Structures are given as structure tokens and as C-alpha cells.
């Protein structure tokens, strides 16, 4: 987080922002930073594969298992980074309040900046059962299960869960930048 603050501050100083800078200069400097990641969420899910089911993949409770066919339990940890695309910042979104020596910003809608999961498979965490003459579940199937779990998690909306934190962290980061430029306060409008 500190590295982001230092990079933003450095870029702003290089572009000539200083106390009394106009809104256009501040907005241009902020837009250069592009994506501002403020919050990272890690979600661990257990993916369950059952070859006897029409929909082979589901997130389920292992206590509901029945005997038969091929089954596999694969843990997946998905990470999602939320923040703001500062390239969307326009002059209409930013103004300098000279009386209060503050920068007033209306941030664009928070969004997912980056997401993914670890593609390295730890075989010790996987439970795989193949009954009868069935082949065991292989590496490709396990990776397909993990990818489907990732896609399922990404379809969920965690904005309500992390929305306040994303905004609060953005306020902390941008507030530091604004104060380093000689302004006393950052105000984020809804």
C-alpha cells in the first residue's frame, strides 16, 4: 500500500502539482495512475466434482456424499482486487476548493481491477475417489474443476461486502497524496 502512495506522490510531483495547482493538473496526474487497487479479498472454496451428476461441478457439503462413480474435492483460493479506474476521472469529477484548501473528488464506480487463483496444484490438498474400473481423475480435470470454481466465485457480487472498505482505503491513499501536494483535506463526494 505504501508503494502505491509513494508512486502516486512521485508522479504528481513530477507533473508539476503543488499547492494551488489547478483541477486540470491534479486530474491529469491522477489519471496517469490508471488503476488504483485499494482492497484485496481472498475467498477459499471447496469444489466438488461428481461424474454421476448431469452438472458435474458444484460447490457442496461433503457430508452429502453417496457411494459410487468418480468424485473429487479440490480446494481453490480466489483473490479479487477491487479499486478504481482513475482514467475515468474527468474535470467534472474533481475540483479545488480554495477557501478550505481541499480537493473534492467524485470517484468513478468501484470495480474489480484484477482477479485470479493459484494455478499450481497442491496434490496433498485434493481428495479424489474413483470406484470400480474407473480411471482416477487426472490433472486436466482437476484444473478444469478449479477454473469452474473460480468462474463461479467471480459471478458472485461481493461489492456489498467490500464496498465501504474499498472507498475508505481509496480515501486514505488519495488523502495522503493530496496532503503531500500541500492541500489540507480530501473530500470524496458520493
C-alpha atoms as a PDB file:
ATOM      1  CA  UNK A   1       0.000   0.000   0.000  1.00  0.00           C
ATOM      2  CA  UNK A   2       2.852   2.380   0.851  1.00  0.00           C
ATOM      3  CA  UNK A   3       4.449   1.738  -2.536  1.00  0.00           C
ATOM      4  CA  UNK A   4       1.261   2.873  -4.266  1.00  0.00           C
ATOM      5  CA  UNK A   5       1.241   6.066  -2.186  1.00  0.00           C
ATOM      6  CA  UNK A   6       4.890   6.781  -2.973  1.00  0.00           C
ATOM      7  CA  UNK A   7       4.431   6.132  -6.700  1.00  0.00           C
ATOM      8  CA  UNK A   8       1.349   8.358  -6.933  1.00  0.00           C
ATOM      9  CA  UNK A   9       3.059  11.115  -4.939  1.00  0.00           C
ATOM     10  CA  UNK A  10       6.186  10.907  -7.096  1.00  0.00           C
ATOM     11  CA  UNK A  11       4.220  11.092 -10.351  1.00  0.00           C
ATOM     12  CA  UNK A  12       2.174  14.018  -9.097  1.00  0.00           C
ATOM     13  CA  UNK A  13       5.295  15.905  -8.078  1.00  0.00           C
ATOM     14  CA  UNK A  14       6.951  15.180 -11.435  1.00  0.00           C
ATOM     15  CA  UNK A  15       3.936  16.532 -13.313  1.00  0.00           C
ATOM     16  CA  UNK A  16       4.184  19.842 -11.528  1.00  0.00           C
ATOM     17  CA  UNK A  17       1.377  19.531  -8.978  1.00  0.00           C
ATOM     18  CA  UNK A  18       1.912  21.739  -5.960  1.00  0.00           C
ATOM     19  CA  UNK A  19      -0.093  23.798  -3.536  1.00  0.00           C
ATOM     20  CA  UNK A  20      -2.516  25.862  -5.523  1.00  0.00           C
ATOM     21  CA  UNK A  21      -2.408  23.577  -8.561  1.00  0.00           C
ATOM     22  CA  UNK A  22      -5.493  23.712 -10.730  1.00  0.00           C
ATOM     23  CA  UNK A  23      -8.028  20.898 -11.062  1.00  0.00           C
ATOM     24  CA  UNK A  24      -6.907  20.018 -14.590  1.00  0.00           C
ATOM     25  CA  UNK A  25      -3.326  19.395 -13.463  1.00  0.00           C
ATOM     26  CA  UNK A  26      -4.417  17.282 -10.477  1.00  0.00           C
ATOM     27  CA  UNK A  27      -6.882  15.261 -12.616  1.00  0.00           C
ATOM     28  CA  UNK A  28      -4.248  14.632 -15.315  1.00  0.00           C
ATOM     29  CA  UNK A  29      -1.755  13.420 -12.741  1.00  0.00           C
ATOM     30  CA  UNK A  30      -4.294  11.105 -11.097  1.00  0.00           C
ATOM     31  CA  UNK A  31      -5.392   9.681 -14.474  1.00  0.00           C
ATOM     32  CA  UNK A  32      -1.792   8.665 -15.184  1.00  0.00           C
ATOM     33  CA  UNK A  33      -2.014   6.209 -12.315  1.00  0.00           C
ATOM     34  CA  UNK A  34      -4.818   4.308 -14.102  1.00  0.00           C
ATOM     35  CA  UNK A  35      -5.985   1.507 -11.776  1.00  0.00           C
ATOM     36  CA  UNK A  36      -5.901   2.203  -8.043  1.00  0.00           C
ATOM     37  CA  UNK A  37      -6.246  -1.076  -6.132  1.00  0.00           C
ATOM     38  CA  UNK A  38      -7.471  -0.395  -2.615  1.00  0.00           C
ATOM     39  CA  UNK A  39      -8.789  -3.729  -1.324  1.00  0.00           C
ATOM     40  CA  UNK A  40      -7.919  -7.385  -1.868  1.00  0.00           C
ATOM     41  CA  UNK A  41     -10.266 -10.189  -0.882  1.00  0.00           C
ATOM     42  CA  UNK A  42      -9.276 -13.860  -0.681  1.00  0.00           C
ATOM     43  CA  UNK A  43     -12.049 -16.429  -0.878  1.00  0.00           C
ATOM     44  CA  UNK A  44     -11.427 -20.109  -0.236  1.00  0.00           C
ATOM     45  CA  UNK A  45     -13.944 -22.556  -1.674  1.00  0.00           C
ATOM     46  CA  UNK A  46     -14.168 -26.307  -1.894  1.00  0.00           C
ATOM     47  CA  UNK A  47     -15.083 -27.505  -5.382  1.00  0.00           C
ATOM     48  CA  UNK A  48     -16.772 -30.896  -5.673  1.00  0.00           C
ATOM     49  CA  UNK A  49     -16.820 -32.946  -8.865  1.00  0.00           C
ATOM     50  CA  UNK A  50     -19.165 -35.938  -9.306  1.00  0.00           C
ATOM     51  CA  UNK A  51     -19.135 -37.738 -12.656  1.00  0.00           C
ATOM     52  CA  UNK A  52     -22.589 -39.265 -11.998  1.00  0.00           C
ATOM     53  CA  UNK A  53     -24.299 -35.868 -11.930  1.00  0.00           C
ATOM     54  CA  UNK A  54     -25.573 -34.113 -15.048  1.00  0.00           C
ATOM     55  CA  UNK A  55     -23.892 -30.918 -13.879  1.00  0.00           C
ATOM     56  CA  UNK A  56     -20.532 -32.394 -12.898  1.00  0.00           C
ATOM     57  CA  UNK A  57     -19.387 -29.354 -10.946  1.00  0.00           C
ATOM     58  CA  UNK A  58     -20.879 -27.792  -7.861  1.00  0.00           C
ATOM     59  CA  UNK A  59     -19.892 -26.248  -4.566  1.00  0.00           C
ATOM     60  CA  UNK A  60     -21.268 -28.616  -1.975  1.00  0.00           C
ATOM     61  CA  UNK A  61     -21.070 -30.005   1.532  1.00  0.00           C
ATOM     62  CA  UNK A  62     -19.019 -33.273   1.687  1.00  0.00           C
ATOM     63  CA  UNK A  63     -21.423 -34.701   4.284  1.00  0.00           C
ATOM     64  CA  UNK A  64     -23.983 -35.209   1.468  1.00  0.00           C
ATOM     65  CA  UNK A  65     -21.793 -37.726  -0.439  1.00  0.00           C
ATOM     66  CA  UNK A  66     -23.080 -41.034  -1.748  1.00  0.00           C
ATOM     67  CA  UNK A  67     -21.041 -44.086  -2.711  1.00  0.00           C
ATOM     68  CA  UNK A  68     -20.215 -44.605  -6.413  1.00  0.00           C
ATOM     69  CA  UNK A  69     -18.613 -43.172  -9.570  1.00  0.00           C
ATOM     70  CA  UNK A  70     -15.738 -40.691  -9.628  1.00  0.00           C
ATOM     71  CA  UNK A  71     -15.593 -37.841  -7.189  1.00  0.00           C
ATOM     72  CA  UNK A  72     -13.056 -35.193  -6.434  1.00  0.00           C
ATOM     73  CA  UNK A  73     -12.758 -32.422  -3.864  1.00  0.00           C
ATOM     74  CA  UNK A  74     -10.488 -29.568  -4.827  1.00  0.00           C
ATOM     75  CA  UNK A  75      -9.802 -26.516  -2.649  1.00  0.00           C
ATOM     76  CA  UNK A  76      -9.485 -23.240  -4.552  1.00  0.00           C
ATOM     77  CA  UNK A  77      -8.385 -19.873  -3.207  1.00  0.00           C
ATOM     78  CA  UNK A  78      -9.566 -16.986  -5.366  1.00  0.00           C
ATOM     79  CA  UNK A  79      -8.188 -13.468  -4.939  1.00  0.00           C
ATOM     80  CA  UNK A  80     -10.048 -10.388  -6.090  1.00  0.00           C
ATOM     81  CA  UNK A  81      -8.595  -6.876  -6.110  1.00  0.00           C
ATOM     82  CA  UNK A  82     -11.078  -4.009  -6.020  1.00  0.00           C
ATOM     83  CA  UNK A  83     -10.433  -0.362  -6.703  1.00  0.00           C
ATOM     84  CA  UNK A  84     -10.983   2.499  -9.102  1.00  0.00           C
ATOM     85  CA  UNK A  85     -10.064   3.176 -12.697  1.00  0.00           C
ATOM     86  CA  UNK A  86      -8.696   6.696 -12.361  1.00  0.00           C
ATOM     87  CA  UNK A  87      -8.520   7.064 -16.143  1.00  0.00           C
ATOM     88  CA  UNK A  88     -12.264   7.756 -15.913  1.00  0.00           C
ATOM     89  CA  UNK A  89     -11.609  10.800 -13.722  1.00  0.00           C
ATOM     90  CA  UNK A  90     -12.685  13.997 -15.509  1.00  0.00           C
ATOM     91  CA  UNK A  91     -12.687  17.668 -14.584  1.00  0.00           C
ATOM     92  CA  UNK A  92     -16.358  17.290 -13.704  1.00  0.00           C
ATOM     93  CA  UNK A  93     -15.272  14.735 -11.064  1.00  0.00           C
ATOM     94  CA  UNK A  94     -12.658  16.949  -9.419  1.00  0.00           C
ATOM     95  CA  UNK A  95     -12.450  20.487  -8.132  1.00  0.00           C
ATOM     96  CA  UNK A  96     -10.225  22.549  -5.894  1.00  0.00           C
ATOM     97  CA  UNK A  97     -11.928  24.330  -3.026  1.00  0.00           C
ATOM     98  CA  UNK A  98      -9.549  27.241  -2.398  1.00  0.00           C
ATOM     99  CA  UNK A  99     -11.358  28.531   0.688  1.00  0.00           C
ATOM    100  CA  UNK A 100     -10.841  25.276   2.506  1.00  0.00           C
ATOM    101  CA  UNK A 101      -7.690  24.319   0.600  1.00  0.00           C
ATOM    102  CA  UNK A 102      -9.231  20.959  -0.237  1.00  0.00           C
ATOM    103  CA  UNK A 103      -9.521  18.692  -3.232  1.00  0.00           C
ATOM    104  CA  UNK A 104     -13.069  17.454  -3.818  1.00  0.00           C
ATOM    105  CA  UNK A 105     -13.305  14.226  -5.843  1.00  0.00           C
ATOM    106  CA  UNK A 106     -16.216  12.203  -7.130  1.00  0.00           C
ATOM    107  CA  UNK A 107     -14.703   8.780  -7.806  1.00  0.00           C
ATOM    108  CA  UNK A 108     -15.883   6.529 -10.627  1.00  0.00           C
ATOM    109  CA  UNK A 109     -17.724   3.317  -9.742  1.00  0.00           C
ATOM    110  CA  UNK A 110     -15.547   0.824  -7.850  1.00  0.00           C
ATOM    111  CA  UNK A 111     -14.785  -2.307  -9.847  1.00  0.00           C
ATOM    112  CA  UNK A 112     -12.736  -5.478  -9.973  1.00  0.00           C
ATOM    113  CA  UNK A 113      -9.252  -4.426 -11.062  1.00  0.00           C
ATOM    114  CA  UNK A 114      -7.685  -7.879 -11.048  1.00  0.00           C
ATOM    115  CA  UNK A 115      -8.556 -11.413 -10.001  1.00  0.00           C
ATOM    116  CA  UNK A 116      -7.274 -14.937 -10.249  1.00  0.00           C
ATOM    117  CA  UNK A 117      -6.279 -18.080  -8.431  1.00  0.00           C
ATOM    118  CA  UNK A 118      -3.073 -20.015  -7.934  1.00  0.00           C
ATOM    119  CA  UNK A 119      -2.640 -22.370 -10.895  1.00  0.00           C
ATOM    120  CA  UNK A 120      -0.143 -24.586  -9.053  1.00  0.00           C
ATOM    121  CA  UNK A 121      -1.962 -27.666  -7.798  1.00  0.00           C
ATOM    122  CA  UNK A 122      -1.035 -28.997  -4.367  1.00  0.00           C
ATOM    123  CA  UNK A 123      -1.829 -32.697  -4.744  1.00  0.00           C
ATOM    124  CA  UNK A 124      -1.867 -33.178  -0.950  1.00  0.00           C
ATOM    125  CA  UNK A 125      -4.993 -30.966  -0.665  1.00  0.00           C
ATOM    126  CA  UNK A 126      -7.020 -32.903  -3.244  1.00  0.00           C
ATOM    127  CA  UNK A 127      -9.285 -35.794  -2.334  1.00  0.00           C
ATOM    128  CA  UNK A 128     -10.071 -37.982  -5.335  1.00  0.00           C
ATOM    129  CA  UNK A 129     -12.175 -41.152  -5.326  1.00  0.00           C
ATOM    130  CA  UNK A 130     -12.623 -43.496  -8.307  1.00  0.00           C
ATOM    131  CA  UNK A 131     -14.588 -46.711  -7.743  1.00  0.00           C
ATOM    132  CA  UNK A 132     -14.624 -49.854  -9.862  1.00  0.00           C
ATOM    133  CA  UNK A 133     -12.618 -49.828 -13.068  1.00  0.00           C
ATOM    134  CA  UNK A 134     -12.798 -46.044 -13.494  1.00  0.00           C
ATOM    135  CA  UNK A 135      -9.597 -44.125 -14.160  1.00  0.00           C
ATOM    136  CA  UNK A 136      -8.547 -41.726 -11.431  1.00  0.00           C
ATOM    137  CA  UNK A 137      -9.250 -38.068 -12.007  1.00  0.00           C
ATOM    138  CA  UNK A 138      -6.292 -36.516 -13.795  1.00  0.00           C
ATOM    139  CA  UNK A 139      -4.500 -33.196 -13.730  1.00  0.00           C
ATOM    140  CA  UNK A 140      -6.543 -31.688 -16.611  1.00  0.00           C
ATOM    141  CA  UNK A 141      -9.853 -32.487 -14.927  1.00  0.00           C
ATOM    142  CA  UNK A 142      -8.623 -31.057 -11.626  1.00  0.00           C
ATOM    143  CA  UNK A 143      -7.561 -27.838 -13.367  1.00  0.00           C
ATOM    144  CA  UNK A 144     -10.963 -27.657 -15.104  1.00  0.00           C
ATOM    145  CA  UNK A 145     -12.662 -28.054 -11.701  1.00  0.00           C
ATOM    146  CA  UNK A 146     -10.535 -25.270 -10.218  1.00  0.00           C
ATOM    147  CA  UNK A 147     -11.262 -22.971 -13.159  1.00  0.00           C
ATOM    148  CA  UNK A 148     -15.002 -23.605 -12.861  1.00  0.00           C
ATOM    149  CA  UNK A 149     -14.815 -22.815  -9.127  1.00  0.00           C
ATOM    150  CA  UNK A 150     -13.051 -19.541  -9.958  1.00  0.00           C
ATOM    151  CA  UNK A 151     -15.725 -18.643 -12.536  1.00  0.00           C
ATOM    152  CA  UNK A 152     -18.480 -19.440 -10.020  1.00  0.00           C
ATOM    153  CA  UNK A 153     -16.914 -17.178  -7.382  1.00  0.00           C
ATOM    154  CA  UNK A 154     -16.465 -14.355  -9.916  1.00  0.00           C
ATOM    155  CA  UNK A 155     -20.189 -14.449 -10.773  1.00  0.00           C
ATOM    156  CA  UNK A 156     -20.979 -13.576  -7.144  1.00  0.00           C
ATOM    157  CA  UNK A 157     -21.264  -9.915  -6.203  1.00  0.00           C
ATOM    158  CA  UNK A 158     -19.028  -9.065  -3.264  1.00  0.00           C
ATOM    159  CA  UNK A 159     -19.449  -5.307  -3.738  1.00  0.00           C
ATOM    160  CA  UNK A 160     -21.842  -5.090  -0.786  1.00  0.00           C
ATOM    161  CA  UNK A 161     -19.322  -6.935   1.378  1.00  0.00           C
ATOM    162  CA  UNK A 162     -16.281  -4.801   0.478  1.00  0.00           C
ATOM    163  CA  UNK A 163     -17.772  -1.561  -0.873  1.00  0.00           C
ATOM    164  CA  UNK A 164     -17.177   0.529   2.245  1.00  0.00           C
ATOM    165  CA  UNK A 165     -13.639  -0.755   2.649  1.00  0.00           C
ATOM    166  CA  UNK A 166     -12.778   0.000  -0.995  1.00  0.00           C
ATOM    167  CA  UNK A 167     -13.941   3.585  -0.591  1.00  0.00           C
ATOM    168  CA  UNK A 168     -12.316   4.042   2.834  1.00  0.00           C
ATOM    169  CA  UNK A 169      -8.947   2.755   1.562  1.00  0.00           C
ATOM    170  CA  UNK A 170      -9.147   4.973  -1.543  1.00  0.00           C
ATOM    171  CA  UNK A 171      -9.806   7.937   0.725  1.00  0.00           C
ATOM    172  CA  UNK A 172      -6.716   7.073   2.789  1.00  0.00           C
ATOM    173  CA  UNK A 173      -4.444   6.684  -0.252  1.00  0.00           C
ATOM    174  CA  UNK A 174      -5.682   9.723  -2.158  1.00  0.00           C
ATOM    175  CA  UNK A 175      -5.802  11.784   1.044  1.00  0.00           C
ATOM    176  CA  UNK A 176      -2.100  11.145   1.559  1.00  0.00           C
ATOM    177  CA  UNK A 177      -1.387  12.250  -1.994  1.00  0.00           C
ATOM    178  CA  UNK A 178      -3.482  15.396  -1.634  1.00  0.00           C
ATOM    179  CA  UNK A 179      -1.830  16.338   1.667  1.00  0.00           C
ATOM    180  CA  UNK A 180       1.622  15.760   0.139  1.00  0.00           C
ATOM    181  CA  UNK A 181       0.692  18.349  -2.502  1.00  0.00           C
ATOM    182  CA  UNK A 182       0.035  20.963   0.149  1.00  0.00           C
ATOM    183  CA  UNK A 183      -3.743  20.680   0.391  1.00  0.00           C
ATOM    184  CA  UNK A 184      -5.241  20.221   3.831  1.00  0.00           C
ATOM    185  CA  UNK A 185      -8.072  17.865   3.011  1.00  0.00           C
ATOM    186  CA  UNK A 186      -9.542  15.407   0.544  1.00  0.00           C
ATOM    187  CA  UNK A 187     -13.317  15.210   0.261  1.00  0.00           C
ATOM    188  CA  UNK A 188     -14.846  12.283  -1.602  1.00  0.00           C
ATOM    189  CA  UNK A 189     -18.370  13.012  -2.761  1.00  0.00           C
ATOM    190  CA  UNK A 190     -20.903  10.200  -3.061  1.00  0.00           C
END
